[in-house]
């Protein structure tokens, strides 16, 4: 997984549907999932509660503008 993450230019988005009570619980679950994957700089891009849960798109930034980009160093 480490080699794959070095090739990411900016961020990783994960979208899923959580079984949950409301948008806030869906948001918390998504952030906990990204933390479980070891991703630190995270944000919620989209959340919408519908019926039995919430559709959530979460983003983990691996590189922000001006960072030292792993993919520029060449090689894997």
C-alpha atoms as a PDB file:
ATOM      1  CA  UNK A   1       0.000   0.000   0.000  1.00  0.00           C
ATOM      2  CA  UNK A   2       2.884   2.360   0.776  1.00  0.00           C
ATOM      3  CA  UNK A   3       4.132   2.266  -2.829  1.00  0.00           C
ATOM      4  CA  UNK A   4       0.648   3.087  -4.118  1.00  0.00           C
ATOM      5  CA  UNK A   5       0.262   6.060  -1.783  1.00  0.00           C
ATOM      6  CA  UNK A   6       3.591   7.494  -2.975  1.00  0.00           C
ATOM      7  CA  UNK A   7       2.102   7.784  -6.475  1.00  0.00           C
ATOM      8  CA  UNK A   8      -1.001   9.753  -5.365  1.00  0.00           C
ATOM      9  CA  UNK A   9      -0.789  13.333  -6.588  1.00  0.00           C
ATOM     10  CA  UNK A  10      -3.096  14.974  -4.052  1.00  0.00           C
ATOM     11  CA  UNK A  11      -5.814  13.077  -2.179  1.00  0.00           C
ATOM     12  CA  UNK A  12      -7.721   9.824  -1.773  1.00  0.00           C
ATOM     13  CA  UNK A  13     -11.532   9.867  -1.715  1.00  0.00           C
ATOM     14  CA  UNK A  14     -13.614   7.099  -0.209  1.00  0.00           C
ATOM     15  CA  UNK A  15     -17.361   6.990  -0.734  1.00  0.00           C
ATOM     16  CA  UNK A  16     -19.683   4.584   1.043  1.00  0.00           C
ATOM     17  CA  UNK A  17     -23.105   4.202   2.620  1.00  0.00           C
ATOM     18  CA  UNK A  18     -23.135   3.759   6.404  1.00  0.00           C
ATOM     19  CA  UNK A  19     -26.050   2.378   8.356  1.00  0.00           C
ATOM     20  CA  UNK A  20     -26.489   5.167  10.900  1.00  0.00           C
ATOM     21  CA  UNK A  21     -28.987   7.434  12.658  1.00  0.00           C
ATOM     22  CA  UNK A  22     -28.108  10.771  11.033  1.00  0.00           C
ATOM     23  CA  UNK A  23     -25.548  12.783   9.031  1.00  0.00           C
ATOM     24  CA  UNK A  24     -23.398  13.504  12.077  1.00  0.00           C
ATOM     25  CA  UNK A  25     -22.995   9.813  12.864  1.00  0.00           C
ATOM     26  CA  UNK A  26     -22.176   9.113   9.195  1.00  0.00           C
ATOM     27  CA  UNK A  27     -19.552  11.870   9.277  1.00  0.00           C
ATOM     28  CA  UNK A  28     -17.984  10.431  12.437  1.00  0.00           C
ATOM     29  CA  UNK A  29     -17.917   6.912  11.002  1.00  0.00           C
ATOM     30  CA  UNK A  30     -16.217   8.089   7.796  1.00  0.00           C
ATOM     31  CA  UNK A  31     -13.523  10.009   9.665  1.00  0.00           C
ATOM     32  CA  UNK A  32     -12.942   7.003  11.944  1.00  0.00           C
ATOM     33  CA  UNK A  33     -12.559   4.780   8.869  1.00  0.00           C
ATOM     34  CA  UNK A  34      -9.897   7.050   7.348  1.00  0.00           C
ATOM     35  CA  UNK A  35      -8.091   7.186  10.690  1.00  0.00           C
ATOM     36  CA  UNK A  36      -8.198   3.369  10.828  1.00  0.00           C
ATOM     37  CA  UNK A  37      -6.440   3.342   7.434  1.00  0.00           C
ATOM     38  CA  UNK A  38      -3.725   5.573   8.934  1.00  0.00           C
ATOM     39  CA  UNK A  39      -4.753   8.691   6.995  1.00  0.00           C
ATOM     40  CA  UNK A  40      -4.383  11.920   8.977  1.00  0.00           C
ATOM     41  CA  UNK A  41      -5.297  15.066   6.986  1.00  0.00           C
ATOM     42  CA  UNK A  42      -8.986  14.316   6.386  1.00  0.00           C
ATOM     43  CA  UNK A  43     -12.225  16.056   5.526  1.00  0.00           C
ATOM     44  CA  UNK A  44     -15.820  15.242   4.641  1.00  0.00           C
ATOM     45  CA  UNK A  45     -16.660  16.267   1.073  1.00  0.00           C
ATOM     46  CA  UNK A  46     -20.292  15.140   1.006  1.00  0.00           C
ATOM     47  CA  UNK A  47     -22.818  13.652   3.412  1.00  0.00           C
ATOM     48  CA  UNK A  48     -26.523  12.980   2.926  1.00  0.00           C
ATOM     49  CA  UNK A  49     -28.788  11.004   5.248  1.00  0.00           C
ATOM     50  CA  UNK A  50     -31.388   8.895   3.458  1.00  0.00           C
ATOM     51  CA  UNK A  51     -33.581   6.244   5.039  1.00  0.00           C
ATOM     52  CA  UNK A  52     -31.490   3.808   7.038  1.00  0.00           C
ATOM     53  CA  UNK A  53     -28.170   5.617   6.770  1.00  0.00           C
ATOM     54  CA  UNK A  54     -25.947   8.175   5.140  1.00  0.00           C
ATOM     55  CA  UNK A  55     -24.004   8.371   1.874  1.00  0.00           C
ATOM     56  CA  UNK A  56     -20.617   9.869   2.773  1.00  0.00           C
ATOM     57  CA  UNK A  57     -17.637  10.901   0.638  1.00  0.00           C
ATOM     58  CA  UNK A  58     -14.514  11.447   2.725  1.00  0.00           C
ATOM     59  CA  UNK A  59     -11.163  12.771   1.524  1.00  0.00           C
ATOM     60  CA  UNK A  60      -7.678  12.211   2.890  1.00  0.00           C
ATOM     61  CA  UNK A  61      -5.069  14.662   1.631  1.00  0.00           C
ATOM     62  CA  UNK A  62      -1.686  13.087   1.070  1.00  0.00           C
ATOM     63  CA  UNK A  63      -0.169  16.206  -0.508  1.00  0.00           C
ATOM     64  CA  UNK A  64      -1.289  19.811  -0.249  1.00  0.00           C
ATOM     65  CA  UNK A  65      -0.156  22.529  -2.638  1.00  0.00           C
ATOM     66  CA  UNK A  66       3.557  23.192  -2.116  1.00  0.00           C
ATOM     67  CA  UNK A  67       4.275  19.918  -0.322  1.00  0.00           C
ATOM     68  CA  UNK A  68       7.234  17.728  -1.235  1.00  0.00           C
ATOM     69  CA  UNK A  69       5.611  15.301  -3.655  1.00  0.00           C
ATOM     70  CA  UNK A  70       6.685  11.652  -3.488  1.00  0.00           C
ATOM     71  CA  UNK A  71       5.763  11.083  -7.144  1.00  0.00           C
ATOM     72  CA  UNK A  72       8.274  13.762  -8.269  1.00  0.00           C
ATOM     73  CA  UNK A  73      11.210  11.913  -6.735  1.00  0.00           C
ATOM     74  CA  UNK A  74      11.094   9.236  -9.424  1.00  0.00           C
ATOM     75  CA  UNK A  75      11.102   5.513  -8.922  1.00  0.00           C
ATOM     76  CA  UNK A  76       8.727   3.666  -6.644  1.00  0.00           C
END
